[in-house]
Amino acid sequence: MSTPPRRLDLTVQFALEAEDLPERALIRRWIRAAEPGAAALAVRFVDRDEGRALNASYRGKDYATNVLSFPYEIDPVLQGDLVLCWPVVQEEALAQGKPVEAHCAHLVVHGVLHLQGWEHEEDDEAEEMEQEERTILAELGYPDPYADEKE
């Protein structure tokens, strides 16, 4: 049996206007680091209203969250959507004293891992997922996103 192609079909949507949104090539690099296999993904950057509406509709939580993952298929090609609420991403980066780019990279990697089936409901799952994120982000040249939480 042959392996599926490593093609990444990527759609990036910017549903808001902001000066510091990441470039498509950077988003592609982050996704490739977390998913080197074949994938068909859409990444959508939204405002607070859309982020809140999606979180309420799909998770029953009436607030805008940083990233939502909508997986469709895992094998043979990873398929899914990621939605990032850009104002929340920016606010969290500022509050945590992190560059917005590094925080966004972390959230994209985190979201792609969710698309692959990773979870963090249980402590052991969370530790395993966080370690995978650390490894991927280090390979991309970003610092440990959880470093300040352990201190």
N, C-alpha and C. Protein backbone atom coordinates (compact mmCIF):
# COMPACT_ATOMS: atom_id res chain seq x y z
N MET A 1 0.85 -1.18 0.00
CA MET A 1 0.00 0.00 0.00
C MET A 1 0.89 1.24 0.00
N SER A 2 0.60 2.17 -0.86
CA SER A 2 1.41 3.38 -0.94
C SER A 2 0.95 4.39 0.11
N THR A 3 1.87 5.24 0.51
CA THR A 3 1.53 6.27 1.48
C THR A 3 0.89 7.44 0.75
N PRO A 4 -0.07 8.10 1.42
CA PRO A 4 -0.71 9.25 0.77
C PRO A 4 0.29 10.39 0.56
N PRO A 5 0.05 11.22 -0.41
CA PRO A 5 0.96 12.34 -0.65
C PRO A 5 1.00 13.27 0.56
N ARG A 6 2.10 13.99 0.68
CA ARG A 6 2.28 14.91 1.80
C ARG A 6 1.69 16.29 1.51
N ARG A 7 0.85 16.37 0.59
CA ARG A 7 0.28 17.64 0.16
C ARG A 7 -0.49 18.30 1.30
N LEU A 8 -0.33 19.61 1.40
CA LEU A 8 -1.11 20.40 2.35
C LEU A 8 -1.98 21.36 1.55
N ASP A 9 -3.27 21.10 1.54
CA ASP A 9 -4.23 22.04 0.96
C ASP A 9 -4.66 22.95 2.08
N LEU A 10 -4.29 24.21 1.99
CA LEU A 10 -4.53 25.16 3.08
C LEU A 10 -5.33 26.36 2.58
N THR A 11 -6.40 26.64 3.28
CA THR A 11 -7.18 27.85 3.05
C THR A 11 -7.02 28.71 4.30
N VAL A 12 -6.68 29.97 4.10
CA VAL A 12 -6.57 30.91 5.21
C VAL A 12 -7.57 32.04 4.97
N GLN A 13 -8.41 32.28 5.95
CA GLN A 13 -9.43 33.33 5.84
C GLN A 13 -9.21 34.35 6.94
N PHE A 14 -9.26 35.62 6.56
CA PHE A 14 -9.16 36.71 7.52
C PHE A 14 -10.52 37.42 7.52
N ALA A 15 -11.34 37.11 8.52
CA ALA A 15 -12.68 37.66 8.60
C ALA A 15 -12.72 38.95 9.42
N LEU A 16 -11.58 39.59 9.55
CA LEU A 16 -11.48 40.87 10.24
C LEU A 16 -10.27 41.59 9.69
N GLU A 17 -10.22 42.87 9.96
CA GLU A 17 -9.07 43.65 9.53
C GLU A 17 -8.19 43.93 10.73
N ALA A 18 -6.92 43.61 10.59
CA ALA A 18 -5.92 43.88 11.63
C ALA A 18 -4.57 43.93 10.94
N GLU A 19 -3.68 44.75 11.47
CA GLU A 19 -2.38 44.94 10.84
C GLU A 19 -1.41 43.79 11.09
N ASP A 20 -1.53 43.11 12.21
CA ASP A 20 -0.51 42.16 12.60
C ASP A 20 -0.91 40.69 12.45
N LEU A 21 -1.85 40.40 11.58
CA LEU A 21 -2.23 39.01 11.33
C LEU A 21 -1.06 38.28 10.68
N PRO A 22 -0.86 37.01 11.02
CA PRO A 22 0.27 36.27 10.44
C PRO A 22 0.08 36.01 8.96
N GLU A 23 1.19 35.96 8.25
CA GLU A 23 1.15 35.67 6.82
C GLU A 23 0.86 34.20 6.58
N ARG A 24 0.28 33.93 5.43
CA ARG A 24 -0.10 32.56 5.07
C ARG A 24 1.10 31.61 5.12
N ALA A 25 2.25 32.05 4.66
CA ALA A 25 3.45 31.20 4.64
C ALA A 25 3.86 30.79 6.07
N LEU A 26 3.69 31.68 7.01
CA LEU A 26 4.02 31.39 8.40
C LEU A 26 3.03 30.38 8.98
N ILE A 27 1.77 30.56 8.68
CA ILE A 27 0.73 29.63 9.14
C ILE A 27 1.00 28.24 8.57
N ARG A 28 1.35 28.19 7.30
CA ARG A 28 1.69 26.92 6.64
C ARG A 28 2.87 26.25 7.35
N ARG A 29 3.87 27.01 7.71
CA ARG A 29 5.06 26.47 8.41
C ARG A 29 4.65 25.87 9.76
N TRP A 30 3.81 26.57 10.50
CA TRP A 30 3.36 26.07 11.81
C TRP A 30 2.58 24.76 11.65
N ILE A 31 1.69 24.73 10.66
CA ILE A 31 0.89 23.53 10.44
C ILE A 31 1.78 22.37 10.03
N ARG A 32 2.71 22.61 9.14
CA ARG A 32 3.60 21.56 8.66
C ARG A 32 4.42 20.97 9.81
N ALA A 33 4.81 21.80 10.77
CA ALA A 33 5.58 21.31 11.91
C ALA A 33 4.75 20.35 12.76
N ALA A 34 3.46 20.60 12.85
CA ALA A 34 2.56 19.75 13.65
C ALA A 34 1.98 18.61 12.85
N GLU A 35 1.90 18.76 11.53
CA GLU A 35 1.31 17.73 10.66
C GLU A 35 2.10 17.65 9.37
N PRO A 36 3.11 16.77 9.35
CA PRO A 36 3.92 16.65 8.13
C PRO A 36 3.26 15.81 7.03
N GLY A 37 2.17 15.14 7.35
CA GLY A 37 1.50 14.30 6.36
C GLY A 37 0.51 15.08 5.52
N ALA A 38 -0.27 14.36 4.76
CA ALA A 38 -1.26 14.98 3.89
C ALA A 38 -2.36 15.60 4.74
N ALA A 39 -2.78 16.81 4.35
CA ALA A 39 -3.82 17.50 5.11
C ALA A 39 -4.57 18.47 4.22
N ALA A 40 -5.82 18.68 4.57
CA ALA A 40 -6.67 19.69 3.93
C ALA A 40 -7.30 20.47 5.07
N LEU A 41 -6.79 21.67 5.30
CA LEU A 41 -7.21 22.46 6.46
C LEU A 41 -7.61 23.86 6.06
N ALA A 42 -8.51 24.41 6.83
CA ALA A 42 -8.87 25.82 6.72
C ALA A 42 -8.57 26.47 8.07
N VAL A 43 -7.95 27.64 8.01
CA VAL A 43 -7.67 28.42 9.21
C VAL A 43 -8.36 29.76 9.02
N ARG A 44 -9.22 30.11 9.96
CA ARG A 44 -10.00 31.34 9.86
C ARG A 44 -9.73 32.21 11.09
N PHE A 45 -9.39 33.46 10.85
CA PHE A 45 -9.18 34.43 11.91
C PHE A 45 -10.43 35.30 12.00
N VAL A 46 -11.01 35.35 13.20
CA VAL A 46 -12.31 36.02 13.37
C VAL A 46 -12.23 37.09 14.46
N ASP A 47 -13.29 37.92 14.49
CA ASP A 47 -13.42 38.92 15.54
C ASP A 47 -14.11 38.29 16.75
N ARG A 48 -14.25 39.08 17.79
CA ARG A 48 -14.82 38.58 19.04
C ARG A 48 -16.26 38.10 18.88
N ASP A 49 -17.06 38.79 18.09
CA ASP A 49 -18.47 38.40 17.93
C ASP A 49 -18.59 37.02 17.27
N GLU A 50 -17.83 36.80 16.19
CA GLU A 50 -17.90 35.50 15.54
C GLU A 50 -17.31 34.41 16.42
N GLY A 51 -16.23 34.71 17.10
CA GLY A 51 -15.62 33.75 18.01
C GLY A 51 -16.58 33.34 19.13
N ARG A 52 -17.28 34.31 19.67
CA ARG A 52 -18.25 34.03 20.72
C ARG A 52 -19.42 33.20 20.19
N ALA A 53 -19.93 33.56 19.03
CA ALA A 53 -21.06 32.84 18.43
C ALA A 53 -20.68 31.38 18.15
N LEU A 54 -19.50 31.15 17.61
CA LEU A 54 -19.07 29.78 17.32
C LEU A 54 -18.87 28.97 18.61
N ASN A 55 -18.25 29.58 19.60
CA ASN A 55 -18.02 28.89 20.87
C ASN A 55 -19.35 28.55 21.55
N ALA A 56 -20.31 29.46 21.47
CA ALA A 56 -21.64 29.21 22.06
C ALA A 56 -22.37 28.11 21.30
N SER A 57 -22.30 28.17 19.99
CA SER A 57 -23.01 27.21 19.16
C SER A 57 -22.45 25.80 19.27
N TYR A 58 -21.13 25.67 19.26
CA TYR A 58 -20.51 24.35 19.19
C TYR A 58 -20.05 23.80 20.54
N ARG A 59 -19.81 24.69 21.52
CA ARG A 59 -19.32 24.20 22.81
C ARG A 59 -20.24 24.60 23.96
N GLY A 60 -21.28 25.40 23.67
CA GLY A 60 -22.20 25.82 24.72
C GLY A 60 -21.59 26.80 25.71
N LYS A 61 -20.53 27.51 25.28
CA LYS A 61 -19.84 28.47 26.16
C LYS A 61 -20.00 29.86 25.57
N ASP A 62 -20.58 30.75 26.33
CA ASP A 62 -20.95 32.07 25.84
C ASP A 62 -19.84 33.11 26.00
N TYR A 63 -18.70 32.82 25.39
CA TYR A 63 -17.59 33.76 25.35
C TYR A 63 -16.69 33.40 24.17
N ALA A 64 -15.91 34.35 23.74
CA ALA A 64 -14.95 34.09 22.66
C ALA A 64 -13.73 33.41 23.28
N THR A 65 -13.29 32.33 22.66
CA THR A 65 -12.10 31.61 23.11
C THR A 65 -10.99 31.77 22.08
N ASN A 66 -9.78 31.39 22.43
CA ASN A 66 -8.65 31.66 21.55
C ASN A 66 -8.65 30.82 20.27
N VAL A 67 -8.88 29.50 20.39
CA VAL A 67 -8.86 28.64 19.20
C VAL A 67 -9.93 27.56 19.33
N LEU A 68 -10.58 27.29 18.22
CA LEU A 68 -11.55 26.21 18.11
C LEU A 68 -11.09 25.28 17.01
N SER A 69 -11.21 23.98 17.24
CA SER A 69 -10.82 22.97 16.26
C SER A 69 -12.05 22.18 15.85
N PHE A 70 -12.19 22.02 14.55
CA PHE A 70 -13.32 21.26 13.99
C PHE A 70 -12.75 20.14 13.11
N PRO A 71 -12.51 18.95 13.69
CA PRO A 71 -11.97 17.85 12.90
C PRO A 71 -13.05 17.18 12.05
N TYR A 72 -12.65 16.76 10.84
CA TYR A 72 -13.57 16.04 9.96
C TYR A 72 -13.08 14.63 9.68
N GLU A 73 -11.82 14.48 9.35
CA GLU A 73 -11.21 13.17 9.06
C GLU A 73 -9.78 13.19 9.57
N ILE A 74 -9.29 12.01 9.93
CA ILE A 74 -7.89 11.89 10.33
C ILE A 74 -7.12 11.08 9.30
N ASP A 75 -7.68 9.96 8.88
CA ASP A 75 -7.02 9.07 7.91
C ASP A 75 -7.81 8.99 6.62
N PRO A 76 -7.19 8.90 5.48
CA PRO A 76 -5.75 8.95 5.24
C PRO A 76 -5.22 10.38 5.16
N VAL A 77 -6.13 11.35 5.10
CA VAL A 77 -5.75 12.75 5.01
C VAL A 77 -6.41 13.51 6.16
N LEU A 78 -5.62 14.23 6.93
CA LEU A 78 -6.18 15.04 8.02
C LEU A 78 -7.01 16.16 7.41
N GLN A 79 -8.26 16.27 7.84
CA GLN A 79 -9.14 17.32 7.34
C GLN A 79 -9.82 18.00 8.52
N GLY A 80 -9.85 19.33 8.48
CA GLY A 80 -10.51 20.06 9.55
C GLY A 80 -10.35 21.56 9.40
N ASP A 81 -10.99 22.24 10.32
CA ASP A 81 -10.94 23.71 10.36
C ASP A 81 -10.42 24.15 11.72
N LEU A 82 -9.67 25.25 11.70
CA LEU A 82 -9.26 25.94 12.92
C LEU A 82 -9.82 27.35 12.85
N VAL A 83 -10.33 27.82 13.96
CA VAL A 83 -10.81 29.20 14.05
C VAL A 83 -10.08 29.86 15.20
N LEU A 84 -9.39 30.95 14.90
CA LEU A 84 -8.69 31.72 15.93
C LEU A 84 -9.37 33.07 16.10
N CYS A 85 -9.71 33.39 17.33
CA CYS A 85 -10.30 34.69 17.63
C CYS A 85 -9.15 35.66 17.88
N TRP A 86 -8.87 36.50 16.88
CA TRP A 86 -7.67 37.33 16.91
C TRP A 86 -7.61 38.28 18.09
N PRO A 87 -8.70 38.96 18.49
CA PRO A 87 -8.60 39.83 19.66
C PRO A 87 -8.22 39.06 20.94
N VAL A 88 -8.73 37.84 21.09
CA VAL A 88 -8.39 37.03 22.26
C VAL A 88 -6.93 36.60 22.20
N VAL A 89 -6.46 36.21 21.04
CA VAL A 89 -5.05 35.82 20.87
C VAL A 89 -4.15 36.99 21.27
N GLN A 90 -4.46 38.18 20.80
CA GLN A 90 -3.65 39.36 21.11
C GLN A 90 -3.68 39.68 22.60
N GLU A 91 -4.87 39.65 23.20
CA GLU A 91 -5.00 39.96 24.63
C GLU A 91 -4.23 38.97 25.49
N GLU A 92 -4.33 37.68 25.15
CA GLU A 92 -3.62 36.66 25.92
C GLU A 92 -2.11 36.84 25.80
N ALA A 93 -1.63 37.11 24.60
CA ALA A 93 -0.19 37.31 24.40
C ALA A 93 0.30 38.47 25.25
N LEU A 94 -0.43 39.56 25.24
CA LEU A 94 -0.06 40.73 26.03
C LEU A 94 -0.07 40.40 27.52
N ALA A 95 -1.13 39.77 27.99
CA ALA A 95 -1.28 39.44 29.41
C ALA A 95 -0.19 38.47 29.87
N GLN A 96 0.25 37.57 28.97
CA GLN A 96 1.26 36.57 29.32
C GLN A 96 2.68 37.04 29.01
N GLY A 97 2.81 38.26 28.47
CA GLY A 97 4.13 38.79 28.15
C GLY A 97 4.83 38.02 27.05
N LYS A 98 4.06 37.54 26.06
CA LYS A 98 4.61 36.76 24.96
C LYS A 98 4.44 37.53 23.66
N PRO A 99 5.34 37.33 22.71
CA PRO A 99 5.11 37.90 21.38
C PRO A 99 3.85 37.29 20.77
N VAL A 100 3.08 38.10 20.08
CA VAL A 100 1.84 37.61 19.47
C VAL A 100 2.14 36.46 18.50
N GLU A 101 3.21 36.57 17.74
CA GLU A 101 3.55 35.51 16.79
C GLU A 101 3.77 34.18 17.50
N ALA A 102 4.51 34.19 18.59
CA ALA A 102 4.80 32.95 19.32
C ALA A 102 3.51 32.36 19.90
N HIS A 103 2.64 33.21 20.42
CA HIS A 103 1.39 32.72 20.99
C HIS A 103 0.48 32.15 19.90
N CYS A 104 0.44 32.83 18.77
CA CYS A 104 -0.38 32.35 17.65
C CYS A 104 0.17 31.02 17.14
N ALA A 105 1.49 30.90 17.02
CA ALA A 105 2.10 29.64 16.60
C ALA A 105 1.69 28.52 17.54
N HIS A 106 1.73 28.80 18.84
CA HIS A 106 1.32 27.80 19.83
C HIS A 106 -0.13 27.39 19.63
N LEU A 107 -1.01 28.34 19.42
CA LEU A 107 -2.43 28.01 19.28
C LEU A 107 -2.71 27.24 17.99
N VAL A 108 -2.01 27.56 16.92
CA VAL A 108 -2.18 26.80 15.68
C VAL A 108 -1.69 25.36 15.88
N VAL A 109 -0.53 25.20 16.48
CA VAL A 109 -0.02 23.85 16.76
C VAL A 109 -0.99 23.11 17.67
N HIS A 110 -1.45 23.76 18.72
CA HIS A 110 -2.41 23.16 19.65
C HIS A 110 -3.67 22.71 18.91
N GLY A 111 -4.18 23.58 18.06
CA GLY A 111 -5.38 23.26 17.29
C GLY A 111 -5.17 22.10 16.34
N VAL A 112 -4.02 22.06 15.66
CA VAL A 112 -3.74 20.97 14.74
C VAL A 112 -3.63 19.64 15.50
N LEU A 113 -3.05 19.67 16.68
CA LEU A 113 -2.98 18.45 17.48
C LEU A 113 -4.40 17.99 17.87
N HIS A 114 -5.28 18.92 18.19
CA HIS A 114 -6.67 18.54 18.46
C HIS A 114 -7.31 17.91 17.22
N LEU A 115 -7.02 18.45 16.05
CA LEU A 115 -7.56 17.87 14.81
C LEU A 115 -7.09 16.42 14.64
N GLN A 116 -5.91 16.12 15.14
CA GLN A 116 -5.34 14.78 15.05
C GLN A 116 -5.88 13.84 16.13
N GLY A 117 -6.67 14.39 17.06
CA GLY A 117 -7.24 13.55 18.12
C GLY A 117 -6.62 13.72 19.49
N TRP A 118 -5.63 14.58 19.62
CA TRP A 118 -5.02 14.82 20.94
C TRP A 118 -6.05 15.50 21.83
N GLU A 119 -6.03 15.18 23.12
CA GLU A 119 -6.92 15.79 24.10
C GLU A 119 -6.12 16.17 25.35
N HIS A 120 -6.74 16.99 26.21
CA HIS A 120 -6.08 17.38 27.45
C HIS A 120 -7.07 17.47 28.61
N GLU A 121 -8.08 16.60 28.57
CA GLU A 121 -9.07 16.58 29.65
C GLU A 121 -8.49 15.98 30.93
N GLU A 122 -7.72 14.92 30.79
CA GLU A 122 -7.09 14.25 31.94
C GLU A 122 -5.67 14.77 32.09
N ASP A 123 -5.14 14.74 33.33
CA ASP A 123 -3.80 15.25 33.60
C ASP A 123 -2.72 14.58 32.75
N ASP A 124 -2.80 13.25 32.60
CA ASP A 124 -1.77 12.57 31.82
C ASP A 124 -1.84 12.94 30.35
N GLU A 125 -3.08 13.12 29.83
CA GLU A 125 -3.25 13.57 28.44
C GLU A 125 -2.69 14.97 28.27
N ALA A 126 -2.96 15.84 29.24
CA ALA A 126 -2.49 17.22 29.16
C ALA A 126 -0.97 17.27 29.16
N GLU A 127 -0.34 16.49 30.03
CA GLU A 127 1.12 16.46 30.07
C GLU A 127 1.71 16.00 28.75
N GLU A 128 1.12 14.95 28.18
CA GLU A 128 1.61 14.41 26.91
C GLU A 128 1.43 15.42 25.77
N MET A 129 0.27 16.07 25.73
CA MET A 129 -0.01 17.05 24.67
C MET A 129 0.90 18.27 24.83
N GLU A 130 1.07 18.75 26.05
CA GLU A 130 1.93 19.90 26.29
C GLU A 130 3.36 19.60 25.89
N GLN A 131 3.84 18.39 26.16
CA GLN A 131 5.20 18.02 25.77
C GLN A 131 5.35 18.00 24.24
N GLU A 132 4.34 17.48 23.57
CA GLU A 132 4.36 17.47 22.10
C GLU A 132 4.39 18.91 21.56
N GLU A 133 3.60 19.79 22.16
CA GLU A 133 3.61 21.20 21.75
C GLU A 133 4.97 21.82 21.97
N ARG A 134 5.57 21.57 23.14
CA ARG A 134 6.90 22.11 23.44
C ARG A 134 7.91 21.67 22.39
N THR A 135 7.88 20.39 22.05
CA THR A 135 8.83 19.83 21.07
C THR A 135 8.65 20.51 19.72
N ILE A 136 7.43 20.60 19.25
CA ILE A 136 7.15 21.20 17.94
C ILE A 136 7.56 22.67 17.93
N LEU A 137 7.17 23.40 18.98
CA LEU A 137 7.49 24.83 19.02
C LEU A 137 8.99 25.07 19.13
N ALA A 138 9.70 24.22 19.86
CA ALA A 138 11.16 24.36 19.94
C ALA A 138 11.78 24.15 18.57
N GLU A 139 11.27 23.17 17.82
CA GLU A 139 11.77 22.94 16.45
C GLU A 139 11.53 24.15 15.56
N LEU A 140 10.46 24.89 15.85
CA LEU A 140 10.15 26.10 15.09
C LEU A 140 10.92 27.32 15.59
N GLY A 141 11.61 27.17 16.73
CA GLY A 141 12.39 28.27 17.28
C GLY A 141 11.65 29.13 18.28
N TYR A 142 10.53 28.64 18.80
CA TYR A 142 9.75 29.39 19.79
C TYR A 142 10.01 28.84 21.18
N PRO A 143 9.91 29.69 22.21
CA PRO A 143 10.13 29.23 23.58
C PRO A 143 8.97 28.37 24.09
N ASP A 144 9.22 27.69 25.19
CA ASP A 144 8.22 26.86 25.85
C ASP A 144 7.01 27.73 26.23
N PRO A 145 5.85 27.45 25.67
CA PRO A 145 4.68 28.29 25.97
C PRO A 145 4.14 28.09 27.38
N TYR A 146 4.58 27.03 28.04
CA TYR A 146 4.11 26.73 29.39
C TYR A 146 5.11 27.09 30.47
N ALA A 147 6.25 27.67 30.11
CA ALA A 147 7.34 27.92 31.05
C ALA A 147 6.89 28.75 32.24
N ASP A 148 6.13 29.80 32.02
CA ASP A 148 5.71 30.67 33.12
C ASP A 148 4.67 30.02 34.02
N GLU A 149 3.94 29.04 33.50
CA GLU A 149 2.90 28.37 34.29
C GLU A 149 3.51 27.46 35.35
N LYS A 150 4.73 26.98 35.13
CA LYS A 150 5.35 26.02 36.04
C LYS A 150 6.05 26.71 37.20
N GLU A 151 6.27 28.00 37.08
CA GLU A 151 7.02 28.74 38.11
C GLU A 151 6.15 29.12 39.27
